[in-house]
Amino acid sequence: MNCKISQIYILIDPITNLIRYVGQTSQIPKHRLRFHIFAAKSGYSKCYTANWIRQLLKEGLKPTLSKFPDEYK
């Protein structure tokens, strides 16, 4: 049986420093963040997360990525 190890990651709002999204991925979390940003820029996704990231990008900002629970304090 081939089991992929998944990681929990958090996207934090750089303005408020609050958690805005919690996700799970079998990818490297940085790669997953890149896809979130790509989806927001391209209009590929209309979901809450993409809309929030689009607003950040308009302000010249990006979400802060943190792996859970290792880096989140």
N, C-alpha and C. Protein backbone atom coordinates (compact mmCIF):
# COMPACT_ATOMS: atom_id res chain seq x y z
N MET A 1 0.83 -1.17 0.00
CA MET A 1 0.00 0.00 0.00
C MET A 1 0.88 1.24 0.00
N ASN A 2 0.60 2.17 -0.88
CA ASN A 2 1.36 3.40 -1.00
C ASN A 2 0.60 4.53 -0.31
N CYS A 3 1.09 4.96 0.84
CA CYS A 3 0.42 6.02 1.60
C CYS A 3 1.21 7.31 1.48
N LYS A 4 0.52 8.38 1.13
CA LYS A 4 1.15 9.68 1.09
C LYS A 4 1.00 10.34 2.46
N ILE A 5 2.04 10.99 2.88
CA ILE A 5 1.99 11.71 4.13
C ILE A 5 1.47 13.11 3.84
N SER A 6 0.48 13.54 4.58
CA SER A 6 -0.03 14.88 4.37
C SER A 6 0.37 15.79 5.52
N GLN A 7 0.36 17.06 5.24
CA GLN A 7 0.73 18.06 6.23
C GLN A 7 -0.41 19.06 6.37
N ILE A 8 -0.58 19.56 7.55
CA ILE A 8 -1.53 20.63 7.81
C ILE A 8 -0.76 21.94 7.70
N TYR A 9 -1.35 22.92 7.02
CA TYR A 9 -0.72 24.23 6.90
C TYR A 9 -1.76 25.32 7.17
N ILE A 10 -1.25 26.48 7.52
CA ILE A 10 -2.10 27.60 7.86
C ILE A 10 -1.70 28.78 7.00
N LEU A 11 -2.70 29.53 6.52
CA LEU A 11 -2.44 30.79 5.84
C LEU A 11 -2.88 31.91 6.78
N ILE A 12 -1.95 32.81 7.04
CA ILE A 12 -2.18 33.88 8.01
C ILE A 12 -2.25 35.22 7.28
N ASP A 13 -3.21 36.03 7.67
CA ASP A 13 -3.37 37.36 7.10
C ASP A 13 -2.21 38.24 7.56
N PRO A 14 -1.43 38.80 6.63
CA PRO A 14 -0.28 39.62 7.03
C PRO A 14 -0.68 40.98 7.62
N ILE A 15 -1.93 41.37 7.44
CA ILE A 15 -2.41 42.64 7.99
C ILE A 15 -2.85 42.48 9.44
N THR A 16 -3.67 41.44 9.69
CA THR A 16 -4.24 41.25 11.03
C THR A 16 -3.49 40.22 11.85
N ASN A 17 -2.65 39.43 11.18
CA ASN A 17 -1.93 38.32 11.81
C ASN A 17 -2.87 37.23 12.34
N LEU A 18 -4.06 37.14 11.77
CA LEU A 18 -5.03 36.12 12.15
C LEU A 18 -5.02 34.98 11.13
N ILE A 19 -5.35 33.79 11.60
CA ILE A 19 -5.47 32.63 10.71
C ILE A 19 -6.70 32.85 9.83
N ARG A 20 -6.51 32.72 8.52
CA ARG A 20 -7.62 32.88 7.58
C ARG A 20 -7.98 31.57 6.88
N TYR A 21 -7.04 30.61 6.88
CA TYR A 21 -7.30 29.36 6.17
C TYR A 21 -6.45 28.26 6.77
N VAL A 22 -7.03 27.09 6.94
CA VAL A 22 -6.31 25.89 7.37
C VAL A 22 -6.51 24.85 6.28
N GLY A 23 -5.40 24.30 5.79
CA GLY A 23 -5.48 23.31 4.72
C GLY A 23 -4.64 22.09 5.01
N GLN A 24 -4.86 21.08 4.19
CA GLN A 24 -4.10 19.83 4.28
C GLN A 24 -3.60 19.50 2.89
N THR A 25 -2.33 19.11 2.79
CA THR A 25 -1.76 18.82 1.47
C THR A 25 -0.77 17.67 1.56
N SER A 26 -0.64 16.95 0.46
CA SER A 26 0.40 15.93 0.35
C SER A 26 1.59 16.52 -0.41
N GLN A 27 1.45 17.77 -0.86
CA GLN A 27 2.53 18.47 -1.55
C GLN A 27 3.40 19.19 -0.52
N ILE A 28 4.45 19.81 -1.01
CA ILE A 28 5.23 20.70 -0.17
C ILE A 28 4.35 21.93 0.07
N PRO A 29 4.15 22.35 1.31
CA PRO A 29 3.24 23.48 1.58
C PRO A 29 3.54 24.74 0.76
N LYS A 30 4.80 25.05 0.49
CA LYS A 30 5.12 26.22 -0.34
C LYS A 30 4.52 26.09 -1.73
N HIS A 31 4.54 24.87 -2.27
CA HIS A 31 3.96 24.63 -3.59
C HIS A 31 2.45 24.82 -3.55
N ARG A 32 1.85 24.38 -2.47
CA ARG A 32 0.40 24.53 -2.33
C ARG A 32 0.03 26.01 -2.25
N LEU A 33 0.84 26.80 -1.54
CA LEU A 33 0.61 28.24 -1.47
C LEU A 33 0.71 28.86 -2.86
N ARG A 34 1.69 28.44 -3.63
CA ARG A 34 1.84 28.96 -5.00
C ARG A 34 0.58 28.68 -5.82
N PHE A 35 -0.02 27.49 -5.63
CA PHE A 35 -1.24 27.19 -6.37
C PHE A 35 -2.39 28.08 -5.90
N HIS A 36 -2.50 28.32 -4.59
CA HIS A 36 -3.53 29.23 -4.09
C HIS A 36 -3.38 30.60 -4.75
N ILE A 37 -2.15 31.08 -4.84
CA ILE A 37 -1.89 32.39 -5.44
C ILE A 37 -2.20 32.36 -6.94
N PHE A 38 -1.80 31.29 -7.62
CA PHE A 38 -2.10 31.14 -9.05
C PHE A 38 -3.62 31.16 -9.28
N ALA A 39 -4.35 30.40 -8.47
CA ALA A 39 -5.81 30.33 -8.62
C ALA A 39 -6.44 31.70 -8.39
N ALA A 40 -5.91 32.45 -7.45
CA ALA A 40 -6.44 33.79 -7.17
C ALA A 40 -6.14 34.74 -8.33
N LYS A 41 -4.91 34.72 -8.84
CA LYS A 41 -4.52 35.61 -9.92
C LYS A 41 -5.27 35.31 -11.21
N SER A 42 -5.44 34.04 -11.50
CA SER A 42 -6.03 33.63 -12.78
C SER A 42 -7.55 33.75 -12.81
N GLY A 43 -8.15 33.91 -11.64
CA GLY A 43 -9.61 33.90 -11.59
C GLY A 43 -10.16 32.49 -11.66
N TYR A 44 -9.27 31.50 -11.62
CA TYR A 44 -9.64 30.08 -11.71
C TYR A 44 -10.62 29.71 -10.60
N SER A 45 -10.43 30.30 -9.44
CA SER A 45 -11.27 29.97 -8.30
C SER A 45 -12.01 31.21 -7.82
N LYS A 46 -13.25 31.03 -7.44
CA LYS A 46 -14.06 32.13 -6.91
C LYS A 46 -14.35 31.92 -5.43
N CYS A 47 -13.63 31.00 -4.80
CA CYS A 47 -13.92 30.67 -3.40
C CYS A 47 -13.41 31.75 -2.46
N TYR A 48 -13.80 31.66 -1.21
CA TYR A 48 -13.42 32.61 -0.17
C TYR A 48 -11.92 32.84 -0.12
N THR A 49 -11.15 31.76 -0.13
CA THR A 49 -9.69 31.88 -0.02
C THR A 49 -9.11 32.65 -1.20
N ALA A 50 -9.55 32.33 -2.39
CA ALA A 50 -9.05 33.02 -3.59
C ALA A 50 -9.43 34.50 -3.56
N ASN A 51 -10.64 34.80 -3.14
CA ASN A 51 -11.06 36.21 -3.07
C ASN A 51 -10.21 36.97 -2.06
N TRP A 52 -9.96 36.37 -0.91
CA TRP A 52 -9.12 36.99 0.11
C TRP A 52 -7.70 37.23 -0.42
N ILE A 53 -7.11 36.20 -1.07
CA ILE A 53 -5.75 36.34 -1.61
C ILE A 53 -5.71 37.41 -2.69
N ARG A 54 -6.75 37.49 -3.53
CA ARG A 54 -6.81 38.53 -4.56
C ARG A 54 -6.75 39.92 -3.92
N GLN A 55 -7.47 40.10 -2.82
CA GLN A 55 -7.44 41.39 -2.13
C GLN A 55 -6.05 41.70 -1.60
N LEU A 56 -5.39 40.69 -1.04
CA LEU A 56 -4.02 40.90 -0.56
C LEU A 56 -3.09 41.27 -1.71
N LEU A 57 -3.20 40.56 -2.82
CA LEU A 57 -2.33 40.82 -3.96
C LEU A 57 -2.51 42.25 -4.48
N LYS A 58 -3.75 42.75 -4.46
CA LYS A 58 -4.01 44.13 -4.89
C LYS A 58 -3.27 45.13 -4.01
N GLU A 59 -3.04 44.74 -2.77
CA GLU A 59 -2.33 45.61 -1.82
C GLU A 59 -0.83 45.32 -1.79
N GLY A 60 -0.38 44.42 -2.69
CA GLY A 60 1.03 44.09 -2.76
C GLY A 60 1.48 43.13 -1.66
N LEU A 61 0.54 42.39 -1.10
CA LEU A 61 0.84 41.46 -0.01
C LEU A 61 0.53 40.03 -0.41
N LYS A 62 1.04 39.09 0.38
CA LYS A 62 0.74 37.66 0.21
C LYS A 62 0.46 37.08 1.59
N PRO A 63 -0.29 35.97 1.64
CA PRO A 63 -0.51 35.33 2.93
C PRO A 63 0.81 34.79 3.49
N THR A 64 0.88 34.71 4.79
CA THR A 64 2.02 34.08 5.46
C THR A 64 1.68 32.60 5.63
N LEU A 65 2.60 31.74 5.24
CA LEU A 65 2.41 30.30 5.35
C LEU A 65 3.08 29.78 6.61
N SER A 66 2.37 28.93 7.33
CA SER A 66 2.94 28.30 8.52
C SER A 66 2.52 26.84 8.52
N LYS A 67 3.44 25.96 8.86
CA LYS A 67 3.10 24.54 9.00
C LYS A 67 2.54 24.33 10.40
N PHE A 68 1.54 23.52 10.51
CA PHE A 68 0.91 23.27 11.80
C PHE A 68 1.30 21.91 12.30
N PRO A 69 1.60 21.71 13.54
CA PRO A 69 1.69 22.70 14.60
C PRO A 69 3.10 23.23 14.78
N ASP A 70 4.06 22.75 14.00
CA ASP A 70 5.48 23.06 14.22
C ASP A 70 5.81 24.54 14.30
N GLU A 71 5.34 25.31 13.32
CA GLU A 71 5.76 26.69 13.23
C GLU A 71 4.76 27.68 13.81
N TYR A 72 3.54 27.23 14.08
CA TYR A 72 2.52 28.17 14.55
C TYR A 72 2.66 28.37 16.04
N LYS A 73 2.87 29.60 16.44
CA LYS A 73 2.98 29.93 17.87
C LYS A 73 2.19 31.17 18.17
